[in-house]
Amino acid sequence: ADSVKGRFTISRDNAKRMVHLQMDSLKPEDTAAYYCNGEG
């Protein structure tokens, strides 16, 4: 999303079947419930 570009980084470990979201320089407007999604 444009609002997080440059601040958040998503990564994936296929072997471990995990996904991570590194969130830096957090802002109050980032406050929310965050949901993980696996598609297909």
All heavy atoms as atom14 arrays in JSON, in Angstrom:
{
  "sequence": "ADSVKGRFTISRDNAKRMVHLQMDSLKPEDTAAYYCNGEG",
  "atom14_mask": [
    [1, 1, 1, 1, 1, 0, 0, 0, 0, 0, 0, 0, 0, 0],
    [1, 1, 1, 1, 1, 1, 1, 1, 0, 0, 0, 0, 0, 0],
    [1, 1, 1, 1, 1, 1, 0, 0, 0, 0, 0, 0, 0, 0],
    [1, 1, 1, 1, 1, 1, 1, 0, 0, 0, 0, 0, 0, 0],
    [1, 1, 1, 1, 1, 1, 1, 1, 1, 0, 0, 0, 0, 0],
    [1, 1, 1, 1, 0, 0, 0, 0, 0, 0, 0, 0, 0, 0],
    [1, 1, 1, 1, 1, 1, 1, 1, 1, 1, 1, 0, 0, 0],
    [1, 1, 1, 1, 1, 1, 1, 1, 1, 1, 1, 0, 0, 0],
    [1, 1, 1, 1, 1, 1, 1, 0, 0, 0, 0, 0, 0, 0],
    [1, 1, 1, 1, 1, 1, 1, 1, 0, 0, 0, 0, 0, 0],
    [1, 1, 1, 1, 1, 1, 0, 0, 0, 0, 0, 0, 0, 0],
    [1, 1, 1, 1, 1, 1, 1, 1, 1, 1, 1, 0, 0, 0],
    [1, 1, 1, 1, 1, 1, 1, 1, 0, 0, 0, 0, 0, 0],
    [1, 1, 1, 1, 1, 1, 1, 1, 0, 0, 0, 0, 0, 0],
    [1, 1, 1, 1, 1, 0, 0, 0, 0, 0, 0, 0, 0, 0],
    [1, 1, 1, 1, 1, 1, 1, 1, 1, 0, 0, 0, 0, 0],
    [1, 1, 1, 1, 1, 1, 1, 1, 1, 1, 1, 0, 0, 0],
    [1, 1, 1, 1, 1, 1, 1, 1, 0, 0, 0, 0, 0, 0],
    [1, 1, 1, 1, 1, 1, 1, 0, 0, 0, 0, 0, 0, 0],
    [1, 1, 1, 1, 1, 1, 1, 1, 1, 1, 0, 0, 0, 0],
    [1, 1, 1, 1, 1, 1, 1, 1, 0, 0, 0, 0, 0, 0],
    [1, 1, 1, 1, 1, 1, 1, 1, 1, 0, 0, 0, 0, 0],
    [1, 1, 1, 1, 1, 1, 1, 1, 0, 0, 0, 0, 0, 0],
    [1, 1, 1, 1, 1, 1, 1, 1, 0, 0, 0, 0, 0, 0],
    [1, 1, 1, 1, 1, 1, 0, 0, 0, 0, 0, 0, 0, 0],
    [1, 1, 1, 1, 1, 1, 1, 1, 0, 0, 0, 0, 0, 0],
    [1, 1, 1, 1, 1, 1, 1, 1, 1, 0, 0, 0, 0, 0],
    [1, 1, 1, 1, 1, 1, 1, 0, 0, 0, 0, 0, 0, 0],
    [1, 1, 1, 1, 1, 1, 1, 1, 1, 0, 0, 0, 0, 0],
    [1, 1, 1, 1, 1, 1, 1, 1, 0, 0, 0, 0, 0, 0],
    [1, 1, 1, 1, 1, 1, 1, 0, 0, 0, 0, 0, 0, 0],
    [1, 1, 1, 1, 1, 0, 0, 0, 0, 0, 0, 0, 0, 0],
    [1, 1, 1, 1, 1, 0, 0, 0, 0, 0, 0, 0, 0, 0],
    [1, 1, 1, 1, 1, 1, 1, 1, 1, 1, 1, 1, 0, 0],
    [1, 1, 1, 1, 1, 1, 1, 1, 1, 1, 1, 1, 0, 0],
    [1, 1, 1, 1, 1, 1, 0, 0, 0, 0, 0, 0, 0, 0],
    [1, 1, 1, 1, 1, 1, 1, 1, 0, 0, 0, 0, 0, 0],
    [1, 1, 1, 1, 0, 0, 0, 0, 0, 0, 0, 0, 0, 0],
    [1, 1, 1, 1, 1, 1, 1, 1, 1, 0, 0, 0, 0, 0],
    [1, 1, 1, 1, 0, 0, 0, 0, 0, 0, 0, 0, 0, 0]
  ],
  "atom14_positions": [
    [[0.84, -1.18, 0.0], [0.0, 0.0, 0.0], [0.89, 1.24, 0.0], [1.96, 1.26, 0.61], [-0.92, 0.01, 1.22], [0.0, 0.0, 0.0], [0.0, 0.0, 0.0], [0.0, 0.0, 0.0], [0.0, 0.0, 0.0], [0.0, 0.0, 0.0], [0.0, 0.0, 0.0], [0.0, 0.0, 0.0], [0.0, 0.0, 0.0], [0.0, 0.0, 0.0]],
    [[0.44, 2.28, -0.69], [1.23, 3.5, -0.76], [1.52, 4.08, 0.63], [2.59, 4.66, 0.86], [0.51, 4.55, -1.61], [0.52, 4.22, -3.08], [1.37, 3.41, -3.51], [-0.32, 4.78, -3.81], [0.0, 0.0, 0.0], [0.0, 0.0, 0.0], [0.0, 0.0, 0.0], [0.0, 0.0, 0.0], [0.0, 0.0, 0.0], [0.0, 0.0, 0.0]],
    [[0.6, 3.89, 1.55], [0.74, 4.47, 2.88], [1.85, 3.83, 3.7], [2.31, 4.43, 4.68], [-0.58, 4.36, 3.64], [-0.98, 3.01, 3.78], [0.0, 0.0, 0.0], [0.0, 0.0, 0.0], [0.0, 0.0, 0.0], [0.0, 0.0, 0.0], [0.0, 0.0, 0.0], [0.0, 0.0, 0.0], [0.0, 0.0, 0.0], [0.0, 0.0, 0.0]],
    [[2.3, 2.64, 3.32], [3.32, 1.95, 4.1], [4.61, 1.75, 3.32], [5.61, 1.28, 3.89], [2.83, 0.58, 4.62], [1.52, 0.75, 5.38], [2.67, -0.42, 3.48], [0.0, 0.0, 0.0], [0.0, 0.0, 0.0], [0.0, 0.0, 0.0], [0.0, 0.0, 0.0], [0.0, 0.0, 0.0], [0.0, 0.0, 0.0], [0.0, 0.0, 0.0]],
    [[4.62, 2.09, 2.06], [5.79, 1.88, 1.22], [6.99, 2.64, 1.78], [6.89, 3.82, 2.11], [5.49, 2.31, -0.22], [6.51, 1.86, -1.25], [6.03, 2.17, -2.67], [4.76, 1.41, -3.0], [4.32, 1.66, -4.4], [0.0, 0.0, 0.0], [0.0, 0.0, 0.0], [0.0, 0.0, 0.0], [0.0, 0.0, 0.0], [0.0, 0.0, 0.0]],
    [[8.1, 1.95, 1.89], [9.3, 2.54, 2.44], [9.44, 2.36, 3.93], [10.52, 2.59, 4.49], [0.0, 0.0, 0.0], [0.0, 0.0, 0.0], [0.0, 0.0, 0.0], [0.0, 0.0, 0.0], [0.0, 0.0, 0.0], [0.0, 0.0, 0.0], [0.0, 0.0, 0.0], [0.0, 0.0, 0.0], [0.0, 0.0, 0.0], [0.0, 0.0, 0.0]],
    [[8.36, 1.98, 4.6], [8.38, 1.78, 6.05], [8.19, 0.32, 6.44], [8.75, -0.14, 7.43], [7.3, 2.62, 6.73], [7.45, 4.11, 6.52], [6.46, 4.9, 7.37], [5.07, 4.62, 7.0], [4.17, 4.07, 7.83], [4.51, 3.76, 9.07], [2.93, 3.87, 7.42], [0.0, 0.0, 0.0], [0.0, 0.0, 0.0], [0.0, 0.0, 0.0]],
    [[7.39, -0.4, 5.67], [7.11, -1.81, 5.95], [7.81, -2.69, 4.92], [7.96, -2.31, 3.75], [5.61, -2.1, 5.88], [4.78, -1.47, 6.97], [5.32, -0.55, 7.87], [3.44, -1.81, 7.09], [4.55, 0.02, 8.86], [2.65, -1.24, 8.08], [3.21, -0.33, 8.97], [0.0, 0.0, 0.0], [0.0, 0.0, 0.0], [0.0, 0.0, 0.0]],
    [[8.2, -3.88, 5.35], [8.82, -4.85, 4.47], [8.21, -6.22, 4.71], [8.2, -6.7, 5.83], [10.34, -4.93, 4.68], [10.93, -3.63, 4.5], [10.96, -5.89, 3.68], [0.0, 0.0, 0.0], [0.0, 0.0, 0.0], [0.0, 0.0, 0.0], [0.0, 0.0, 0.0], [0.0, 0.0, 0.0], [0.0, 0.0, 0.0], [0.0, 0.0, 0.0]],
    [[7.7, -6.83, 3.65], [7.14, -8.16, 3.76], [8.16, -9.18, 3.26], [8.88, -8.92, 2.28], [5.81, -8.29, 2.98], [5.12, -9.62, 3.3], [6.02, -8.13, 1.48], [3.69, -9.71, 2.79], [0.0, 0.0, 0.0], [0.0, 0.0, 0.0], [0.0, 0.0, 0.0], [0.0, 0.0, 0.0], [0.0, 0.0, 0.0], [0.0, 0.0, 0.0]],
    [[8.24, -10.31, 3.92], [9.14, -11.37, 3.52], [8.46, -12.72, 3.73], [7.5, -12.83, 4.5], [10.46, -11.31, 4.29], [10.25, -11.45, 5.68], [0.0, 0.0, 0.0], [0.0, 0.0, 0.0], [0.0, 0.0, 0.0], [0.0, 0.0, 0.0], [0.0, 0.0, 0.0], [0.0, 0.0, 0.0], [0.0, 0.0, 0.0], [0.0, 0.0, 0.0]],
    [[8.97, -13.72, 3.05], [8.34, -15.03, 3.09], [9.4, -16.12, 3.16], [10.4, -16.06, 2.46], [7.46, -15.21, 1.86], [6.73, -16.53, 1.76], [5.76, -16.51, 0.58], [5.08, -17.78, 0.4], [4.11, -18.0, -0.46], [3.66, -17.0, -1.21], [3.55, -19.2, -0.57], [0.0, 0.0, 0.0], [0.0, 0.0, 0.0], [0.0, 0.0, 0.0]],
    [[9.14, -17.11, 3.99], [9.99, -18.28, 4.09], [9.13, -19.46, 3.63], [8.32, -19.98, 4.38], [10.49, -18.49, 5.51], [11.5, -19.62, 5.62], [11.44, -20.56, 4.84], [12.37, -19.55, 6.53], [0.0, 0.0, 0.0], [0.0, 0.0, 0.0], [0.0, 0.0, 0.0], [0.0, 0.0, 0.0], [0.0, 0.0, 0.0], [0.0, 0.0, 0.0]],
    [[9.31, -19.85, 2.38], [8.47, -20.91, 1.81], [8.67, -22.25, 2.51], [7.72, -23.01, 2.67], [8.74, -21.04, 0.31], [8.25, -19.86, -0.49], [7.31, -19.17, -0.1], [8.88, -19.62, -1.63], [0.0, 0.0, 0.0], [0.0, 0.0, 0.0], [0.0, 0.0, 0.0], [0.0, 0.0, 0.0], [0.0, 0.0, 0.0], [0.0, 0.0, 0.0]],
    [[9.91, -22.54, 2.89], [10.19, -23.81, 3.55], [9.48, -23.91, 4.89], [8.98, -24.98, 5.26], [11.69, -23.99, 3.73], [0.0, 0.0, 0.0], [0.0, 0.0, 0.0], [0.0, 0.0, 0.0], [0.0, 0.0, 0.0], [0.0, 0.0, 0.0], [0.0, 0.0, 0.0], [0.0, 0.0, 0.0], [0.0, 0.0, 0.0], [0.0, 0.0, 0.0]],
    [[9.44, -22.81, 5.61], [8.77, -22.79, 6.91], [7.3, -22.41, 6.82], [6.6, -22.42, 7.83], [9.49, -21.82, 7.86], [10.91, -22.23, 8.21], [11.52, -21.24, 9.18], [12.93, -21.65, 9.56], [13.55, -20.69, 10.52], [0.0, 0.0, 0.0], [0.0, 0.0, 0.0], [0.0, 0.0, 0.0], [0.0, 0.0, 0.0], [0.0, 0.0, 0.0]],
    [[6.86, -22.06, 5.62], [5.49, -21.63, 5.4], [5.12, -20.46, 6.29], [4.06, -20.45, 6.92], [4.53, -22.8, 5.6], [4.71, -23.92, 4.57], [3.89, -25.14, 4.93], [4.02, -26.18, 3.92], [3.58, -27.42, 4.08], [2.97, -27.77, 5.2], [3.74, -28.3, 3.11], [0.0, 0.0, 0.0], [0.0, 0.0, 0.0], [0.0, 0.0, 0.0]],
    [[6.0, -19.49, 6.33], [5.79, -18.32, 7.15], [5.92, -17.04, 6.33], [6.63, -17.0, 5.33], [6.79, -18.26, 8.31], [6.66, -19.39, 9.31], [7.68, -19.13, 10.79], [6.79, -17.77, 11.56], [0.0, 0.0, 0.0], [0.0, 0.0, 0.0], [0.0, 0.0, 0.0], [0.0, 0.0, 0.0], [0.0, 0.0, 0.0], [0.0, 0.0, 0.0]],
    [[5.22, -16.02, 6.78], [5.34, -14.7, 6.2], [5.52, -13.71, 7.34], [4.93, -13.87, 8.41], [4.12, -14.35, 5.33], [2.84, -14.29, 6.16], [4.34, -13.04, 4.58], [0.0, 0.0, 0.0], [0.0, 0.0, 0.0], [0.0, 0.0, 0.0], [0.0, 0.0, 0.0], [0.0, 0.0, 0.0], [0.0, 0.0, 0.0], [0.0, 0.0, 0.0]],
    [[6.34, -12.7, 7.11], [6.64, -11.7, 8.13], [6.37, -10.31, 7.59], [6.48, -10.06, 6.4], [8.1, -11.8, 8.57], [8.52, -13.17, 9.0], [8.27, -13.66, 10.26], [9.16, -14.16, 8.32], [8.75, -14.89, 10.35], [9.3, -15.21, 9.19], [0.0, 0.0, 0.0], [0.0, 0.0, 0.0], [0.0, 0.0, 0.0], [0.0, 0.0, 0.0]],
    [[6.04, -9.43, 8.49], [5.88, -8.02, 8.13], [6.69, -7.19, 9.12], [6.31, -7.07, 10.28], [4.41, -7.6, 8.16], [4.12, -6.17, 7.7], [4.4, -6.03, 6.2], [2.69, -5.78, 8.01], [0.0, 0.0, 0.0], [0.0, 0.0, 0.0], [0.0, 0.0, 0.0], [0.0, 0.0, 0.0], [0.0, 0.0, 0.0], [0.0, 0.0, 0.0]],
    [[7.8, -6.66, 8.65], [8.61, -5.77, 9.45], [8.07, -4.36, 9.31], [8.01, -3.82, 8.21], [10.08, -5.82, 9.0], [11.0, -4.89, 9.77], [11.16, -5.28, 11.22], [11.29, -6.46, 11.53], [11.12, -4.3, 12.1], [0.0, 0.0, 0.0], [0.0, 0.0, 0.0], [0.0, 0.0, 0.0], [0.0, 0.0, 0.0], [0.0, 0.0, 0.0]],
    [[7.66, -3.77, 10.42], [7.05, -2.46, 10.42], [7.95, -1.49, 11.17], [8.16, -1.62, 12.37], [5.66, -2.5, 11.07], [4.71, -3.5, 10.42], [3.03, -3.44, 11.12], [3.38, -4.03, 12.78], [0.0, 0.0, 0.0], [0.0, 0.0, 0.0], [0.0, 0.0, 0.0], [0.0, 0.0, 0.0], [0.0, 0.0, 0.0], [0.0, 0.0, 0.0]],
    [[8.5, -0.53, 10.44], [9.37, 0.48, 11.01], [8.72, 1.85, 10.89], [7.81, 2.06, 10.09], [10.73, 0.49, 10.3], [11.5, -0.81, 10.45], [11.45, -1.41, 11.54], [12.15, -1.23, 9.47], [0.0, 0.0, 0.0], [0.0, 0.0, 0.0], [0.0, 0.0, 0.0], [0.0, 0.0, 0.0], [0.0, 0.0, 0.0], [0.0, 0.0, 0.0]],
    [[9.23, 2.79, 11.66], [8.72, 4.17, 11.64], [7.2, 4.2, 11.76], [6.51, 4.87, 10.99], [9.18, 4.88, 10.36], [10.59, 4.9, 10.26], [0.0, 0.0, 0.0], [0.0, 0.0, 0.0], [0.0, 0.0, 0.0], [0.0, 0.0, 0.0], [0.0, 0.0, 0.0], [0.0, 0.0, 0.0], [0.0, 0.0, 0.0], [0.0, 0.0, 0.0]],
    [[6.69, 3.49, 12.72], [5.25, 3.36, 12.88], [4.6, 4.7, 13.23], [5.18, 5.52, 13.95], [4.92, 2.32, 13.94], [5.06, 0.87, 13.47], [5.15, -0.08, 14.66], [3.88, 0.49, 12.58], [0.0, 0.0, 0.0], [0.0, 0.0, 0.0], [0.0, 0.0, 0.0], [0.0, 0.0, 0.0], [0.0, 0.0, 0.0], [0.0, 0.0, 0.0]],
    [[3.4, 4.88, 12.71], [2.62, 6.09, 12.92], [1.3, 5.73, 13.59], [0.82, 4.61, 13.46], [2.34, 6.78, 11.58], [3.57, 7.13, 10.77], [3.17, 7.69, 9.42], [4.38, 8.03, 8.58], [3.99, 8.57, 7.24], [0.0, 0.0, 0.0], [0.0, 0.0, 0.0], [0.0, 0.0, 0.0], [0.0, 0.0, 0.0], [0.0, 0.0, 0.0]],
    [[0.7, 6.68, 14.31], [-0.61, 6.39, 14.93], [-1.65, 5.89, 13.93], [-2.5, 5.07, 14.29], [-1.01, 7.74, 15.53], [0.29, 8.4, 15.85], [1.21, 7.99, 14.72], [0.0, 0.0, 0.0], [0.0, 0.0, 0.0], [0.0, 0.0, 0.0], [0.0, 0.0, 0.0], [0.0, 0.0, 0.0], [0.0, 0.0, 0.0], [0.0, 0.0, 0.0]],
    [[-1.6, 6.36, 12.69], [-2.55, 5.93, 11.69], [-2.36, 4.48, 11.25], [-3.18, 3.94, 10.51], [-2.53, 6.86, 10.46], [-1.15, 7.11, 9.91], [-0.55, 8.42, 10.39], [-0.65, 8.7, 11.61], [0.02, 9.16, 9.57], [0.0, 0.0, 0.0], [0.0, 0.0, 0.0], [0.0, 0.0, 0.0], [0.0, 0.0, 0.0], [0.0, 0.0, 0.0]],
    [[-1.27, 3.85, 11.68], [-1.08, 2.42, 11.43], [-1.87, 1.56, 12.41], [-1.92, 0.34, 12.23], [0.41, 2.06, 11.53], [1.24, 2.71, 10.45], [0.8, 2.75, 9.29], [2.37, 3.16, 10.77], [0.0, 0.0, 0.0], [0.0, 0.0, 0.0], [0.0, 0.0, 0.0], [0.0, 0.0, 0.0], [0.0, 0.0, 0.0], [0.0, 0.0, 0.0]],
    [[-2.45, 2.16, 13.42], [-3.21, 1.41, 14.41], [-4.39, 0.69, 13.75], [-5.21, 1.31, 13.08], [-3.73, 2.34, 15.51], [-2.62, 2.9, 16.22], [-4.61, 1.58, 16.5], [0.0, 0.0, 0.0], [0.0, 0.0, 0.0], [0.0, 0.0, 0.0], [0.0, 0.0, 0.0], [0.0, 0.0, 0.0], [0.0, 0.0, 0.0], [0.0, 0.0, 0.0]],
    [[-4.45, -0.62, 13.94], [-5.5, -1.43, 13.33], [-5.33, -2.87, 13.78], [-4.32, -3.24, 14.38], [-5.44, -1.35, 11.8], [0.0, 0.0, 0.0], [0.0, 0.0, 0.0], [0.0, 0.0, 0.0], [0.0, 0.0, 0.0], [0.0, 0.0, 0.0], [0.0, 0.0, 0.0], [0.0, 0.0, 0.0], [0.0, 0.0, 0.0], [0.0, 0.0, 0.0]],
    [[-6.34, -3.68, 13.47], [-6.2, -5.12, 13.58], [-5.59, -5.63, 12.28], [-6.09, -5.32, 11.2], [-7.55, -5.78, 13.83], [0.0, 0.0, 0.0], [0.0, 0.0, 0.0], [0.0, 0.0, 0.0], [0.0, 0.0, 0.0], [0.0, 0.0, 0.0], [0.0, 0.0, 0.0], [0.0, 0.0, 0.0], [0.0, 0.0, 0.0], [0.0, 0.0, 0.0]],
    [[-4.53, -6.39, 12.4], [-3.82, -6.9, 11.23], [-4.13, -8.38, 11.05], [-4.04, -9.16, 12.0], [-2.32, -6.69, 11.38], [-1.89, -5.26, 11.15], [-2.21, -4.27, 12.06], [-1.16, -4.9, 10.01], [-1.84, -2.95, 11.85], [-0.78, -3.59, 9.8], [-1.12, -2.61, 10.72], [-0.74, -1.32, 10.5], [0.0, 0.0, 0.0], [0.0, 0.0, 0.0]],
    [[-4.47, -8.75, 9.83], [-4.87, -10.12, 9.52], [-3.94, -10.72, 8.47], [-3.66, -10.1, 7.45], [-6.31, -10.16, 8.99], [-7.34, -9.69, 9.97], [-7.7, -8.35, 10.04], [-7.95, -10.58, 10.85], [-8.65, -7.91, 10.95], [-8.9, -10.15, 11.75], [-9.24, -8.81, 11.8], [-10.19, -8.39, 12.7], [0.0, 0.0, 0.0], [0.0, 0.0, 0.0]],
    [[-3.51, -11.93, 8.73], [-2.72, -12.68, 7.78], [-3.64, -13.41, 6.82], [-4.67, -13.96, 7.22], [-1.84, -13.69, 8.52], [-0.83, -14.74, 7.46], [0.0, 0.0, 0.0], [0.0, 0.0, 0.0], [0.0, 0.0, 0.0], [0.0, 0.0, 0.0], [0.0, 0.0, 0.0], [0.0, 0.0, 0.0], [0.0, 0.0, 0.0], [0.0, 0.0, 0.0]],
    [[-3.28, -13.4, 5.55], [-4.08, -14.06, 4.52], [-3.21, -15.0, 3.69], [-2.12, -14.63, 3.26], [-4.74, -13.02, 3.61], [-5.39, -13.64, 2.39], [-4.83, -13.6, 1.28], [-6.57, -14.21, 2.57], [0.0, 0.0, 0.0], [0.0, 0.0, 0.0], [0.0, 0.0, 0.0], [0.0, 0.0, 0.0], [0.0, 0.0, 0.0], [0.0, 0.0, 0.0]],
    [[-3.71, -16.19, 3.47], [-3.1, -17.13, 2.55], [-4.04, -17.34, 1.39], [-5.17, -17.79, 1.58], [0.0, 0.0, 0.0], [0.0, 0.0, 0.0], [0.0, 0.0, 0.0], [0.0, 0.0, 0.0], [0.0, 0.0, 0.0], [0.0, 0.0, 0.0], [0.0, 0.0, 0.0], [0.0, 0.0, 0.0], [0.0, 0.0, 0.0], [0.0, 0.0, 0.0]],
    [[-3.6, -16.99, 0.19], [-4.44, -17.03, -0.99], [-4.09, -18.24, -1.85], [-2.92, -18.51, -2.11], [-4.29, -15.74, -1.79], [-5.24, -15.59, -2.96], [-4.58, -15.95, -4.28], [-3.35, -15.78, -4.4], [-5.3, -16.39, -5.19], [0.0, 0.0, 0.0], [0.0, 0.0, 0.0], [0.0, 0.0, 0.0], [0.0, 0.0, 0.0], [0.0, 0.0, 0.0]],
    [[-5.11, -18.95, -2.28], [-4.9, -20.08, -3.17], [-4.11, -21.21, -2.54], [-3.21, -21.76, -3.19], [0.0, 0.0, 0.0], [0.0, 0.0, 0.0], [0.0, 0.0, 0.0], [0.0, 0.0, 0.0], [0.0, 0.0, 0.0], [0.0, 0.0, 0.0], [0.0, 0.0, 0.0], [0.0, 0.0, 0.0], [0.0, 0.0, 0.0], [0.0, 0.0, 0.0]]
  ]
}
